[in-house]
């Protein structure tokens, strides 16, 4: 399968979306008094993955968004 080539503008936009989602996830997690480990257990991810998502480092796949919902 050939993947489409991303332009620099698309890459920057994706990074901004990842960072915004991560900030929102961290805010909601804290408001609900969940630790990263606790949230990870609920959605089936490691604490490290939750940390990376909240930092905007790790992309969130569509099926993972449903777990967070």
C-alpha atoms as a PDB file:
ATOM      1  CA  UNK A   1       0.000   0.000   0.000  1.00  0.00           C
ATOM      2  CA  UNK A   2       1.343   3.414  -0.931  1.00  0.00           C
ATOM      3  CA  UNK A   3       0.779   6.099   1.674  1.00  0.00           C
ATOM      4  CA  UNK A   4       0.089   9.669   0.574  1.00  0.00           C
ATOM      5  CA  UNK A   5       2.884  12.164   1.070  1.00  0.00           C
ATOM      6  CA  UNK A   6       2.122  14.786   3.704  1.00  0.00           C
ATOM      7  CA  UNK A   7       3.009  18.397   3.119  1.00  0.00           C
ATOM      8  CA  UNK A   8       4.794  20.325   5.876  1.00  0.00           C
ATOM      9  CA  UNK A   9       1.573  22.244   6.513  1.00  0.00           C
ATOM     10  CA  UNK A  10      -0.347  18.978   7.034  1.00  0.00           C
ATOM     11  CA  UNK A  11       2.311  17.702   9.416  1.00  0.00           C
ATOM     12  CA  UNK A  12       2.171  20.891  11.489  1.00  0.00           C
ATOM     13  CA  UNK A  13      -1.632  20.802  11.552  1.00  0.00           C
ATOM     14  CA  UNK A  14      -1.623  17.152  12.694  1.00  0.00           C
ATOM     15  CA  UNK A  15       0.864  17.996  15.452  1.00  0.00           C
ATOM     16  CA  UNK A  16      -1.330  20.877  16.647  1.00  0.00           C
ATOM     17  CA  UNK A  17      -4.350  18.568  16.737  1.00  0.00           C
ATOM     18  CA  UNK A  18      -2.397  15.947  18.704  1.00  0.00           C
ATOM     19  CA  UNK A  19      -1.234  18.551  21.210  1.00  0.00           C
ATOM     20  CA  UNK A  20      -4.720  20.031  21.654  1.00  0.00           C
ATOM     21  CA  UNK A  21      -6.249  16.580  22.133  1.00  0.00           C
ATOM     22  CA  UNK A  22      -3.542  15.702  24.651  1.00  0.00           C
ATOM     23  CA  UNK A  23      -4.127  18.852  26.694  1.00  0.00           C
ATOM     24  CA  UNK A  24      -7.864  18.217  26.731  1.00  0.00           C
ATOM     25  CA  UNK A  25      -7.413  14.567  27.683  1.00  0.00           C
ATOM     26  CA  UNK A  26      -5.088  15.510  30.570  1.00  0.00           C
ATOM     27  CA  UNK A  27      -7.540  18.155  31.764  1.00  0.00           C
ATOM     28  CA  UNK A  28     -10.486  15.752  31.778  1.00  0.00           C
ATOM     29  CA  UNK A  29      -8.408  12.981  33.356  1.00  0.00           C
ATOM     30  CA  UNK A  30      -7.362  15.264  36.210  1.00  0.00           C
ATOM     31  CA  UNK A  31     -10.911  16.568  36.686  1.00  0.00           C
ATOM     32  CA  UNK A  32     -12.103  12.958  37.046  1.00  0.00           C
ATOM     33  CA  UNK A  33      -9.240  12.214  39.477  1.00  0.00           C
ATOM     34  CA  UNK A  34      -7.751   9.464  37.325  1.00  0.00           C
ATOM     35  CA  UNK A  35      -4.057   8.724  37.254  1.00  0.00           C
ATOM     36  CA  UNK A  36      -2.428   8.030  33.912  1.00  0.00           C
ATOM     37  CA  UNK A  37      -2.106   4.407  34.987  1.00  0.00           C
ATOM     38  CA  UNK A  38      -5.778   4.221  35.990  1.00  0.00           C
ATOM     39  CA  UNK A  39      -6.970   5.738  32.716  1.00  0.00           C
ATOM     40  CA  UNK A  40      -4.634   3.452  30.806  1.00  0.00           C
ATOM     41  CA  UNK A  41      -6.182   0.392  32.436  1.00  0.00           C
ATOM     42  CA  UNK A  42      -9.662   1.580  31.461  1.00  0.00           C
ATOM     43  CA  UNK A  43      -8.824   2.211  27.806  1.00  0.00           C
ATOM     44  CA  UNK A  44      -6.268  -0.592  27.373  1.00  0.00           C
ATOM     45  CA  UNK A  45      -3.109   1.507  27.026  1.00  0.00           C
ATOM     46  CA  UNK A  46       0.044   1.763  29.100  1.00  0.00           C
ATOM     47  CA  UNK A  47       0.803   4.706  31.363  1.00  0.00           C
ATOM     48  CA  UNK A  48       3.579   5.631  28.952  1.00  0.00           C
ATOM     49  CA  UNK A  49       1.149   5.759  26.048  1.00  0.00           C
ATOM     50  CA  UNK A  50      -1.228   7.984  28.012  1.00  0.00           C
ATOM     51  CA  UNK A  51       1.703  10.265  28.869  1.00  0.00           C
ATOM     52  CA  UNK A  52       2.795  10.407  25.229  1.00  0.00           C
ATOM     53  CA  UNK A  53      -0.744  11.152  24.039  1.00  0.00           C
ATOM     54  CA  UNK A  54      -1.148  13.914  26.622  1.00  0.00           C
ATOM     55  CA  UNK A  55       2.190  15.382  25.489  1.00  0.00           C
ATOM     56  CA  UNK A  56       1.167  15.298  21.827  1.00  0.00           C
ATOM     57  CA  UNK A  57       3.957  12.855  21.005  1.00  0.00           C
ATOM     58  CA  UNK A  58       1.817   9.823  20.177  1.00  0.00           C
ATOM     59  CA  UNK A  59      -0.966   9.789  17.616  1.00  0.00           C
ATOM     60  CA  UNK A  60      -4.356   8.519  18.702  1.00  0.00           C
ATOM     61  CA  UNK A  61      -5.934   5.996  16.388  1.00  0.00           C
ATOM     62  CA  UNK A  62      -9.635   6.075  15.647  1.00  0.00           C
ATOM     63  CA  UNK A  63     -10.424   2.923  17.640  1.00  0.00           C
ATOM     64  CA  UNK A  64      -8.621   4.449  20.638  1.00  0.00           C
ATOM     65  CA  UNK A  65     -10.824   7.555  20.483  1.00  0.00           C
ATOM     66  CA  UNK A  66     -13.845   5.328  21.020  1.00  0.00           C
ATOM     67  CA  UNK A  67     -12.193   3.872  24.134  1.00  0.00           C
ATOM     68  CA  UNK A  68     -11.692   7.379  25.533  1.00  0.00           C
ATOM     69  CA  UNK A  69     -15.317   8.276  24.827  1.00  0.00           C
END
